[in-house]
Amino acid sequence: MSVTNKTRHGSHLIMDPLLFSLLVSAIPLGIVVGLGAGIIGMTAWPLIVPLLLVFGGYPLHEVLLSSMLVDLVIAANLSLFYLRRSELEIDGVYSIKLGVTAGIVATATAILAFPLLTQYSHLFEGGSAIVTAILGFLFIVQAIRMNDITEFKNTTTHEKLRQSGLSTRQKDAVTYGFCIIQGFLTGLIAMGGAMNIVIVLMFIVGYPTLRAVGTAMITATVMLTMTVITYIILLQFTLSTLPLVVLYVILAAVTSYLAVTKVQNISERKLRLVIGIVVLTAAISATAQVYLIG
């Protein structure tokens, strides 16, 4: 009799309309997440956290862990890809040092913030992705303004783009300083994508786009690994969103890998145009989602 009851209960869970809706919505959202992550290291946070928290009704801490797990798998997958591209001149040891620095800050912040987050759960319900949209427009405008001289393959190190007016020591100070800030954000609100690091490496330090993305992916992988382990321990190995996380990871990982392989040999100008379009699409999707689930 108990076996029959368990079977019926399992069938009920499988046919749960809410879970089914979340699984269906994960397909397009997972693809968008993968595109954004594969091209510029965008975090899954704006598309996953509000949906699972508001519409799904899952516990806040588990939702934040879910978002970081998706970011981590994508970052780790793409890190392996970029480490094989020796022509990009990515310094793996330097990237790992950045990741450890950010990870220490993220871990400490997560431990301190963890018991306080539920008091401010309303802040995680999403909102207008205006900052992301502005970044998308900036990439598009920059791509349009680039002239024929800068129409080169982005696998090369073009001196015009690399010049930043900073000394090596100043570049290191800026990079490490921002990694500390990124670690704080990751530990505080679990927003652990690599895009913020990419932007700093591109526009302040002066890295070519793909070198910036590759460096940021390795950094994010180390940082997120440390933070995710901390969250798993604090949650006592509980994750009710696991089926959704697995689906998001599969879709996003495949899409991000396809995206990153397609942009390797296009010009820097076209790459920045693609980045702008993808970032804008993600911003619009995140904003529309908030209104739909609100």
C-alpha atoms as a PDB file:
ATOM      1  CA  MET A   1       0.000   0.000   0.000  1.00  0.00           C
ATOM      2  CA  SER A   2       2.815   2.366   0.867  1.00  0.00           C
ATOM      3  CA  VAL A   3       4.504   1.572  -2.463  1.00  0.00           C
ATOM      4  CA  THR A   4       1.340   2.570  -4.323  1.00  0.00           C
ATOM      5  CA  ASN A   5       1.134   5.833  -2.398  1.00  0.00           C
ATOM      6  CA  LYS A   6       4.762   6.611  -3.171  1.00  0.00           C
ATOM      7  CA  THR A   7       4.175   5.892  -6.855  1.00  0.00           C
ATOM      8  CA  ARG A   8       1.189   8.203  -6.951  1.00  0.00           C
ATOM      9  CA  HIS A   9       3.115  10.881  -5.115  1.00  0.00           C
ATOM     10  CA  GLY A  10       5.980  10.600  -7.613  1.00  0.00           C
ATOM     11  CA  SER A  11       3.553  10.866 -10.531  1.00  0.00           C
ATOM     12  CA  HIS A  12       2.056  13.963  -8.974  1.00  0.00           C
ATOM     13  CA  LEU A  13       5.483  15.581  -8.736  1.00  0.00           C
ATOM     14  CA  ILE A  14       6.293  14.735 -12.349  1.00  0.00           C
ATOM     15  CA  MET A  15       3.013  16.222 -13.567  1.00  0.00           C
ATOM     16  CA  ASP A  16       3.246  19.299 -11.338  1.00  0.00           C
ATOM     17  CA  PRO A  17       2.200  22.153 -13.675  1.00  0.00           C
ATOM     18  CA  LEU A  18       4.474  24.658 -11.929  1.00  0.00           C
ATOM     19  CA  LEU A  19       7.548  22.473 -12.361  1.00  0.00           C
ATOM     20  CA  PHE A  20       6.530  21.754 -15.947  1.00  0.00           C
ATOM     21  CA  SER A  21       6.225  25.500 -16.667  1.00  0.00           C
ATOM     22  CA  LEU A  22       9.634  26.152 -15.155  1.00  0.00           C
ATOM     23  CA  LEU A  23      11.198  23.355 -17.196  1.00  0.00           C
ATOM     24  CA  VAL A  24       9.653  24.711 -20.406  1.00  0.00           C
ATOM     25  CA  SER A  25      10.761  28.279 -19.658  1.00  0.00           C
ATOM     26  CA  ALA A  26      14.275  27.000 -18.961  1.00  0.00           C
ATOM     27  CA  ILE A  27      14.720  26.112 -22.641  1.00  0.00           C
ATOM     28  CA  PRO A  28      14.721  29.642 -24.144  1.00  0.00           C
ATOM     29  CA  LEU A  29      16.256  31.193 -21.034  1.00  0.00           C
ATOM     30  CA  GLY A  30      19.032  28.603 -20.958  1.00  0.00           C
ATOM     31  CA  ILE A  31      19.868  29.417 -24.571  1.00  0.00           C
ATOM     32  CA  VAL A  32      19.991  33.170 -23.864  1.00  0.00           C
ATOM     33  CA  VAL A  33      22.157  32.546 -20.790  1.00  0.00           C
ATOM     34  CA  GLY A  34      24.504  30.401 -22.860  1.00  0.00           C
ATOM     35  CA  LEU A  35      24.833  32.997 -25.609  1.00  0.00           C
ATOM     36  CA  GLY A  36      25.584  35.794 -23.164  1.00  0.00           C
ATOM     37  CA  ALA A  37      28.029  33.700 -21.166  1.00  0.00           C
ATOM     38  CA  GLY A  38      29.786  32.277 -24.206  1.00  0.00           C
ATOM     39  CA  ILE A  39      30.416  35.648 -25.815  1.00  0.00           C
ATOM     40  CA  ILE A  40      31.153  37.949 -22.878  1.00  0.00           C
ATOM     41  CA  GLY A  41      30.705  35.975 -19.648  1.00  0.00           C
ATOM     42  CA  MET A  42      27.265  37.250 -18.640  1.00  0.00           C
ATOM     43  CA  THR A  43      25.856  35.847 -15.413  1.00  0.00           C
ATOM     44  CA  ALA A  44      22.692  33.752 -15.335  1.00  0.00           C
ATOM     45  CA  TRP A  45      21.487  35.726 -12.294  1.00  0.00           C
ATOM     46  CA  PRO A  46      19.023  38.183 -13.954  1.00  0.00           C
ATOM     47  CA  LEU A  47      17.240  35.396 -15.830  1.00  0.00           C
ATOM     48  CA  ILE A  48      17.261  32.644 -13.195  1.00  0.00           C
ATOM     49  CA  VAL A  49      16.967  34.241  -9.754  1.00  0.00           C
ATOM     50  CA  PRO A  50      13.719  36.255 -10.170  1.00  0.00           C
ATOM     51  CA  LEU A  51      12.011  33.378 -12.000  1.00  0.00           C
ATOM     52  CA  LEU A  52      12.818  30.661  -9.469  1.00  0.00           C
ATOM     53  CA  LEU A  53      12.281  32.947  -6.478  1.00  0.00           C
ATOM     54  CA  VAL A  54       9.028  34.683  -7.441  1.00  0.00           C
ATOM     55  CA  PHE A  55       7.356  32.289  -9.864  1.00  0.00           C
ATOM     56  CA  GLY A  56       8.836  29.056  -8.557  1.00  0.00           C
ATOM     57  CA  GLY A  57       8.653  29.957  -4.879  1.00  0.00           C
ATOM     58  CA  TYR A  58      11.945  28.248  -4.062  1.00  0.00           C
ATOM     59  CA  PRO A  59      14.008  29.262  -0.992  1.00  0.00           C
ATOM     60  CA  LEU A  60      16.257  32.259  -1.659  1.00  0.00           C
ATOM     61  CA  HIS A  61      19.541  30.592  -0.707  1.00  0.00           C
ATOM     62  CA  GLU A  62      18.869  27.607  -2.970  1.00  0.00           C
ATOM     63  CA  VAL A  63      17.955  29.927  -5.836  1.00  0.00           C
ATOM     64  CA  LEU A  64      21.206  31.854  -5.432  1.00  0.00           C
ATOM     65  CA  LEU A  65      23.186  28.617  -5.340  1.00  0.00           C
ATOM     66  CA  SER A  66      21.387  27.480  -8.499  1.00  0.00           C
ATOM     67  CA  SER A  67      22.442  30.622 -10.343  1.00  0.00           C
ATOM     68  CA  MET A  68      26.059  30.254  -9.238  1.00  0.00           C
ATOM     69  CA  LEU A  69      26.134  26.589 -10.253  1.00  0.00           C
ATOM     70  CA  VAL A  70      25.052  27.500 -13.783  1.00  0.00           C
ATOM     71  CA  ASP A  71      27.669  30.264 -13.935  1.00  0.00           C
ATOM     72  CA  LEU A  72      30.336  27.918 -12.576  1.00  0.00           C
ATOM     73  CA  VAL A  73      29.768  25.095 -15.050  1.00  0.00           C
ATOM     74  CA  ILE A  74      29.760  27.503 -17.995  1.00  0.00           C
ATOM     75  CA  ALA A  75      32.893  29.305 -16.781  1.00  0.00           C
ATOM     76  CA  ALA A  76      34.761  26.044 -16.173  1.00  0.00           C
ATOM     77  CA  ASN A  77      33.789  24.666 -19.576  1.00  0.00           C
ATOM     78  CA  LEU A  78      34.889  27.809 -21.404  1.00  0.00           C
ATOM     79  CA  SER A  79      38.067  28.124 -19.331  1.00  0.00           C
ATOM     80  CA  LEU A  80      39.247  24.799 -20.723  1.00  0.00           C
ATOM     81  CA  PHE A  81      38.501  26.065 -24.218  1.00  0.00           C
ATOM     82  CA  TYR A  82      40.443  29.304 -23.777  1.00  0.00           C
ATOM     83  CA  LEU A  83      43.421  27.641 -22.092  1.00  0.00           C
ATOM     84  CA  ARG A  84      43.945  25.682 -25.306  1.00  0.00           C
ATOM     85  CA  ARG A  85      44.162  28.916 -27.331  1.00  0.00           C
ATOM     86  CA  SER A  86      47.832  29.781 -26.803  1.00  0.00           C
ATOM     87  CA  GLU A  87      47.719  32.561 -29.409  1.00  0.00           C
ATOM     88  CA  LEU A  88      45.470  34.602 -27.095  1.00  0.00           C
ATOM     89  CA  GLU A  89      48.340  34.946 -24.597  1.00  0.00           C
ATOM     90  CA  ILE A  90      46.177  34.163 -21.575  1.00  0.00           C
ATOM     91  CA  ASP A  91      48.225  33.875 -18.385  1.00  0.00           C
ATOM     92  CA  GLY A  92      46.584  30.986 -16.538  1.00  0.00           C
ATOM     93  CA  VAL A  93      48.595  31.444 -13.341  1.00  0.00           C
ATOM     94  CA  TYR A  94      47.745  35.150 -13.197  1.00  0.00           C
ATOM     95  CA  SER A  95      44.068  34.372 -13.792  1.00  0.00           C
ATOM     96  CA  ILE A  96      44.062  31.795 -10.990  1.00  0.00           C
ATOM     97  CA  LYS A  97      45.642  34.314  -8.605  1.00  0.00           C
ATOM     98  CA  LEU A  98      42.887  36.777  -9.476  1.00  0.00           C
ATOM     99  CA  GLY A  99      40.303  34.059  -8.878  1.00  0.00           C
ATOM    100  CA  VAL A 100      41.729  33.110  -5.493  1.00  0.00           C
ATOM    101  CA  THR A 101      41.733  36.766  -4.439  1.00  0.00           C
ATOM    102  CA  ALA A 102      38.109  37.197  -5.500  1.00  0.00           C
ATOM    103  CA  GLY A 103      37.188  33.811  -4.031  1.00  0.00           C
ATOM    104  CA  ILE A 104      38.551  34.596  -0.579  1.00  0.00           C
ATOM    105  CA  VAL A 105      36.532  37.816  -0.471  1.00  0.00           C
ATOM    106  CA  ALA A 106      33.433  36.074  -1.861  1.00  0.00           C
ATOM    107  CA  THR A 107      33.650  33.228   0.648  1.00  0.00           C
ATOM    108  CA  ALA A 108      34.077  35.528   3.638  1.00  0.00           C
ATOM    109  CA  THR A 109      31.241  37.771   2.462  1.00  0.00           C
ATOM    110  CA  ALA A 110      28.935  34.805   1.810  1.00  0.00           C
ATOM    111  CA  ILE A 111      29.458  33.447   5.324  1.00  0.00           C
ATOM    112  CA  LEU A 112      28.647  36.830   6.859  1.00  0.00           C
ATOM    113  CA  ALA A 113      25.697  37.631   4.567  1.00  0.00           C
ATOM    114  CA  PHE A 114      24.098  34.175   4.476  1.00  0.00           C
ATOM    115  CA  PRO A 115      21.936  34.494   7.641  1.00  0.00           C
ATOM    116  CA  LEU A 116      20.792  38.001   6.690  1.00  0.00           C
ATOM    117  CA  LEU A 117      19.690  37.473   3.085  1.00  0.00           C
ATOM    118  CA  THR A 118      16.151  36.229   3.766  1.00  0.00           C
ATOM    119  CA  GLN A 119      15.322  39.555   5.423  1.00  0.00           C
ATOM    120  CA  TYR A 120      15.901  41.272   2.094  1.00  0.00           C
ATOM    121  CA  SER A 121      14.486  38.666  -0.287  1.00  0.00           C
ATOM    122  CA  HIS A 122      12.347  41.323  -2.014  1.00  0.00           C
ATOM    123  CA  LEU A 123      15.538  42.853  -3.406  1.00  0.00           C
ATOM    124  CA  PHE A 124      16.163  39.678  -5.417  1.00  0.00           C
ATOM    125  CA  GLU A 125      12.851  39.746  -7.279  1.00  0.00           C
ATOM    126  CA  GLY A 126      14.377  41.496 -10.269  1.00  0.00           C
ATOM    127  CA  GLY A 127      13.882  44.811 -11.964  1.00  0.00           C
ATOM    128  CA  SER A 128      14.727  46.808 -15.043  1.00  0.00           C
ATOM    129  CA  ALA A 129      18.075  45.720 -16.505  1.00  0.00           C
ATOM    130  CA  ILE A 130      18.880  49.290 -17.505  1.00  0.00           C
ATOM    131  CA  VAL A 131      22.600  49.054 -16.720  1.00  0.00           C
ATOM    132  CA  THR A 132      22.955  45.910 -18.828  1.00  0.00           C
ATOM    133  CA  ALA A 133      21.045  47.572 -21.664  1.00  0.00           C
ATOM    134  CA  ILE A 134      23.358  50.605 -21.532  1.00  0.00           C
ATOM    135  CA  LEU A 135      26.390  48.306 -21.769  1.00  0.00           C
ATOM    136  CA  GLY A 136      24.839  46.655 -24.804  1.00  0.00           C
ATOM    137  CA  PHE A 137      24.338  50.031 -26.485  1.00  0.00           C
ATOM    138  CA  LEU A 138      27.926  51.029 -25.672  1.00  0.00           C
ATOM    139  CA  PHE A 139      29.294  47.921 -27.378  1.00  0.00           C
ATOM    140  CA  ILE A 140      27.149  48.560 -30.456  1.00  0.00           C
ATOM    141  CA  VAL A 141      28.156  52.234 -30.659  1.00  0.00           C
ATOM    142  CA  GLN A 142      31.815  51.325 -30.223  1.00  0.00           C
ATOM    143  CA  ALA A 143      31.586  48.717 -32.980  1.00  0.00           C
ATOM    144  CA  ILE A 144      29.974  51.218 -35.350  1.00  0.00           C
ATOM    145  CA  ARG A 145      32.664  53.818 -34.619  1.00  0.00           C
ATOM    146  CA  MET A 146      35.550  51.423 -35.241  1.00  0.00           C
ATOM    147  CA  ASN A 147      37.137  52.205 -38.609  1.00  0.00           C
ATOM    148  CA  ASP A 148      38.685  49.918 -41.186  1.00  0.00           C
ATOM    149  CA  ILE A 149      42.094  50.091 -39.491  1.00  0.00           C
ATOM    150  CA  THR A 150      40.720  48.246 -36.487  1.00  0.00           C
ATOM    151  CA  GLU A 151      38.944  45.689 -38.654  1.00  0.00           C
ATOM    152  CA  PHE A 152      41.260  42.843 -37.688  1.00  0.00           C
ATOM    153  CA  LYS A 153      40.969  39.318 -36.417  1.00  0.00           C
ATOM    154  CA  ASN A 154      40.404  39.344 -32.682  1.00  0.00           C
ATOM    155  CA  THR A 155      42.861  36.533 -32.061  1.00  0.00           C
ATOM    156  CA  THR A 156      45.740  38.959 -32.618  1.00  0.00           C
ATOM    157  CA  THR A 157      47.083  41.458 -30.124  1.00  0.00           C
ATOM    158  CA  HIS A 158      46.495  44.815 -31.735  1.00  0.00           C
ATOM    159  CA  GLU A 159      48.530  47.533 -30.041  1.00  0.00           C
ATOM    160  CA  LYS A 160      45.965  50.263 -30.608  1.00  0.00           C
ATOM    161  CA  LEU A 161      43.378  48.408 -28.558  1.00  0.00           C
ATOM    162  CA  ARG A 162      45.864  47.311 -25.913  1.00  0.00           C
ATOM    163  CA  GLN A 163      47.107  50.781 -25.073  1.00  0.00           C
ATOM    164  CA  SER A 164      45.521  51.989 -21.844  1.00  0.00           C
ATOM    165  CA  GLY A 165      47.976  54.587 -20.560  1.00  0.00           C
ATOM    166  CA  LEU A 166      48.591  52.582 -17.376  1.00  0.00           C
ATOM    167  CA  SER A 167      51.795  50.980 -16.182  1.00  0.00           C
ATOM    168  CA  THR A 168      51.931  47.253 -15.468  1.00  0.00           C
ATOM    169  CA  ARG A 169      51.743  47.888 -11.736  1.00  0.00           C
ATOM    170  CA  GLN A 170      48.732  50.170 -12.179  1.00  0.00           C
ATOM    171  CA  LYS A 171      47.000  47.585 -14.352  1.00  0.00           C
ATOM    172  CA  ASP A 172      47.574  44.929 -11.689  1.00  0.00           C
ATOM    173  CA  ALA A 173      46.247  47.243  -8.987  1.00  0.00           C
ATOM    174  CA  VAL A 174      43.093  47.966 -10.990  1.00  0.00           C
ATOM    175  CA  THR A 175      42.546  44.309 -11.850  1.00  0.00           C
ATOM    176  CA  TYR A 176      43.078  42.978  -8.338  1.00  0.00           C
ATOM    177  CA  GLY A 177      41.037  45.824  -6.885  1.00  0.00           C
ATOM    178  CA  PHE A 178      38.096  45.079  -9.104  1.00  0.00           C
ATOM    179  CA  CYS A 179      38.357  41.352  -8.431  1.00  0.00           C
ATOM    180  CA  ILE A 180      37.954  42.191  -4.746  1.00  0.00           C
ATOM    181  CA  ILE A 181      34.812  44.169  -5.610  1.00  0.00           C
ATOM    182  CA  GLN A 182      33.522  41.310  -7.776  1.00  0.00           C
ATOM    183  CA  GLY A 183      34.217  38.856  -4.960  1.00  0.00           C
ATOM    184  CA  PHE A 184      32.203  41.013  -2.584  1.00  0.00           C
ATOM    185  CA  LEU A 185      29.252  41.125  -5.017  1.00  0.00           C
ATOM    186  CA  THR A 186      29.409  37.378  -5.542  1.00  0.00           C
ATOM    187  CA  GLY A 187      29.472  36.637  -1.838  1.00  0.00           C
ATOM    188  CA  LEU A 188      26.751  39.164  -1.063  1.00  0.00           C
ATOM    189  CA  ILE A 189      24.172  38.529  -3.795  1.00  0.00           C
ATOM    190  CA  ALA A 190      25.637  35.555  -5.730  1.00  0.00           C
ATOM    191  CA  MET A 191      26.047  37.548  -8.953  1.00  0.00           C
ATOM    192  CA  GLY A 192      29.071  35.621 -10.126  1.00  0.00           C
ATOM    193  CA  GLY A 193      29.404  36.073 -13.867  1.00  0.00           C
ATOM    194  CA  ALA A 194      32.618  37.107 -15.580  1.00  0.00           C
ATOM    195  CA  MET A 195      31.220  40.039 -17.592  1.00  0.00           C
ATOM    196  CA  ASN A 196      32.186  42.755 -15.113  1.00  0.00           C
ATOM    197  CA  ILE A 197      35.762  41.480 -15.092  1.00  0.00           C
ATOM    198  CA  VAL A 198      35.747  41.333 -18.902  1.00  0.00           C
ATOM    199  CA  ILE A 199      34.687  44.978 -19.131  1.00  0.00           C
ATOM    200  CA  VAL A 200      37.457  46.115 -16.768  1.00  0.00           C
ATOM    201  CA  LEU A 201      40.087  44.106 -18.652  1.00  0.00           C
ATOM    202  CA  MET A 202      38.900  45.471 -22.002  1.00  0.00           C
ATOM    203  CA  PHE A 203      38.247  49.132 -21.311  1.00  0.00           C
ATOM    204  CA  ILE A 204      40.661  49.915 -18.460  1.00  0.00           C
ATOM    205  CA  VAL A 205      43.502  47.410 -18.732  1.00  0.00           C
ATOM    206  CA  GLY A 206      43.337  47.274 -22.541  1.00  0.00           C
ATOM    207  CA  TYR A 207      43.024  43.550 -23.292  1.00  0.00           C
ATOM    208  CA  PRO A 208      41.686  42.403 -26.682  1.00  0.00           C
ATOM    209  CA  THR A 209      38.165  41.009 -26.306  1.00  0.00           C
ATOM    210  CA  LEU A 210      38.882  37.280 -26.410  1.00  0.00           C
ATOM    211  CA  ARG A 211      41.897  37.533 -24.129  1.00  0.00           C
ATOM    212  CA  ALA A 212      39.754  39.475 -21.652  1.00  0.00           C
ATOM    213  CA  VAL A 213      36.955  36.905 -21.818  1.00  0.00           C
ATOM    214  CA  GLY A 214      39.332  33.966 -21.394  1.00  0.00           C
ATOM    215  CA  THR A 215      41.116  35.546 -18.425  1.00  0.00           C
ATOM    216  CA  ALA A 216      37.809  36.438 -16.781  1.00  0.00           C
ATOM    217  CA  MET A 217      36.421  32.928 -17.283  1.00  0.00           C
ATOM    218  CA  ILE A 218      39.348  31.339 -15.446  1.00  0.00           C
ATOM    219  CA  THR A 219      39.098  33.931 -12.683  1.00  0.00           C
ATOM    220  CA  ALA A 220      35.350  33.358 -12.336  1.00  0.00           C
ATOM    221  CA  THR A 221      35.800  29.581 -12.258  1.00  0.00           C
ATOM    222  CA  VAL A 222      38.117  29.736  -9.247  1.00  0.00           C
ATOM    223  CA  MET A 223      36.017  32.352  -7.459  1.00  0.00           C
ATOM    224  CA  LEU A 224      32.732  30.526  -8.030  1.00  0.00           C
ATOM    225  CA  THR A 225      34.171  27.162  -7.020  1.00  0.00           C
ATOM    226  CA  MET A 226      35.110  28.557  -3.628  1.00  0.00           C
ATOM    227  CA  THR A 227      31.752  30.323  -3.202  1.00  0.00           C
ATOM    228  CA  VAL A 228      29.634  27.373  -4.345  1.00  0.00           C
ATOM    229  CA  ILE A 229      31.403  25.008  -1.943  1.00  0.00           C
ATOM    230  CA  THR A 230      30.714  27.485   0.859  1.00  0.00           C
ATOM    231  CA  TYR A 231      27.016  27.681  -0.060  1.00  0.00           C
ATOM    232  CA  ILE A 232      26.667  23.909  -0.305  1.00  0.00           C
ATOM    233  CA  ILE A 233      28.127  23.488   3.173  1.00  0.00           C
ATOM    234  CA  LEU A 234      25.937  26.252   4.613  1.00  0.00           C
ATOM    235  CA  LEU A 235      22.846  24.683   3.013  1.00  0.00           C
ATOM    236  CA  GLN A 236      23.866  21.256   4.316  1.00  0.00           C
ATOM    237  CA  PHE A 237      23.895  19.776   0.795  1.00  0.00           C
ATOM    238  CA  THR A 238      20.247  20.680   0.097  1.00  0.00           C
ATOM    239  CA  LEU A 239      19.146  21.832  -3.361  1.00  0.00           C
ATOM    240  CA  SER A 240      15.481  21.434  -4.325  1.00  0.00           C
ATOM    241  CA  THR A 241      16.054  23.127  -7.700  1.00  0.00           C
ATOM    242  CA  LEU A 242      18.448  20.430  -8.932  1.00  0.00           C
ATOM    243  CA  PRO A 243      16.317  19.238 -11.928  1.00  0.00           C
ATOM    244  CA  LEU A 244      16.055  22.814 -13.185  1.00  0.00           C
ATOM    245  CA  VAL A 245      19.739  23.470 -12.600  1.00  0.00           C
ATOM    246  CA  VAL A 246      20.690  20.392 -14.620  1.00  0.00           C
ATOM    247  CA  LEU A 247      18.504  21.521 -17.538  1.00  0.00           C
ATOM    248  CA  TYR A 248      19.858  25.081 -17.424  1.00  0.00           C
ATOM    249  CA  VAL A 249      23.426  23.779 -17.254  1.00  0.00           C
ATOM    250  CA  ILE A 250      23.018  21.458 -20.241  1.00  0.00           C
ATOM    251  CA  LEU A 251      21.368  24.082 -22.451  1.00  0.00           C
ATOM    252  CA  ALA A 252      23.633  26.939 -21.394  1.00  0.00           C
ATOM    253  CA  ALA A 253      26.832  24.885 -21.593  1.00  0.00           C
ATOM    254  CA  VAL A 254      26.090  23.638 -25.108  1.00  0.00           C
ATOM    255  CA  THR A 255      24.953  27.064 -26.340  1.00  0.00           C
ATOM    256  CA  SER A 256      27.906  28.893 -24.780  1.00  0.00           C
ATOM    257  CA  TYR A 257      30.388  26.445 -26.298  1.00  0.00           C
ATOM    258  CA  LEU A 258      28.823  26.807 -29.748  1.00  0.00           C
ATOM    259  CA  ALA A 259      28.818  30.590 -29.367  1.00  0.00           C
ATOM    260  CA  VAL A 260      32.448  30.830 -28.315  1.00  0.00           C
ATOM    261  CA  THR A 261      33.635  28.643 -31.185  1.00  0.00           C
ATOM    262  CA  LYS A 262      31.778  30.800 -33.710  1.00  0.00           C
ATOM    263  CA  VAL A 263      33.298  34.121 -32.605  1.00  0.00           C
ATOM    264  CA  GLN A 264      36.956  33.098 -32.603  1.00  0.00           C
ATOM    265  CA  ASN A 265      37.777  34.176 -36.136  1.00  0.00           C
ATOM    266  CA  ILE A 266      35.547  37.179 -36.719  1.00  0.00           C
ATOM    267  CA  SER A 267      36.850  40.733 -36.598  1.00  0.00           C
ATOM    268  CA  GLU A 268      36.989  42.721 -33.366  1.00  0.00           C
ATOM    269  CA  ARG A 269      34.427  45.126 -34.795  1.00  0.00           C
ATOM    270  CA  LYS A 270      31.917  42.401 -35.597  1.00  0.00           C
ATOM    271  CA  LEU A 271      32.587  40.698 -32.276  1.00  0.00           C
ATOM    272  CA  ARG A 272      31.746  43.838 -30.311  1.00  0.00           C
ATOM    273  CA  LEU A 273      28.618  44.313 -32.399  1.00  0.00           C
ATOM    274  CA  VAL A 274      27.529  40.749 -31.619  1.00  0.00           C
ATOM    275  CA  ILE A 275      28.285  41.308 -27.933  1.00  0.00           C
ATOM    276  CA  GLY A 276      26.122  44.427 -27.916  1.00  0.00           C
ATOM    277  CA  ILE A 277      23.198  42.641 -29.546  1.00  0.00           C
ATOM    278  CA  VAL A 278      23.405  39.655 -27.183  1.00  0.00           C
ATOM    279  CA  VAL A 279      23.707  41.862 -24.087  1.00  0.00           C
ATOM    280  CA  LEU A 280      20.717  43.934 -25.208  1.00  0.00           C
ATOM    281  CA  THR A 281      18.692  40.778 -25.825  1.00  0.00           C
ATOM    282  CA  ALA A 282      19.493  39.493 -22.348  1.00  0.00           C
ATOM    283  CA  ALA A 283      18.573  42.853 -20.797  1.00  0.00           C
ATOM    284  CA  ILE A 284      15.234  42.930 -22.603  1.00  0.00           C
ATOM    285  CA  SER A 285      14.524  39.307 -21.642  1.00  0.00           C
ATOM    286  CA  ALA A 286      15.325  39.952 -17.976  1.00  0.00           C
ATOM    287  CA  THR A 287      13.137  43.068 -17.855  1.00  0.00           C
ATOM    288  CA  ALA A 288      10.231  41.405 -19.674  1.00  0.00           C
ATOM    289  CA  GLN A 289      10.432  38.392 -17.385  1.00  0.00           C
ATOM    290  CA  VAL A 290      10.026  40.570 -14.289  1.00  0.00           C
ATOM    291  CA  TYR A 291       6.816  42.072 -15.642  1.00  0.00           C
ATOM    292  CA  LEU A 292       5.467  38.669 -16.672  1.00  0.00           C
ATOM    293  CA  ILE A 293       6.028  37.029 -13.287  1.00  0.00           C
ATOM    294  CA  GLY A 294       5.297  40.118 -11.218  1.00  0.00           C
END
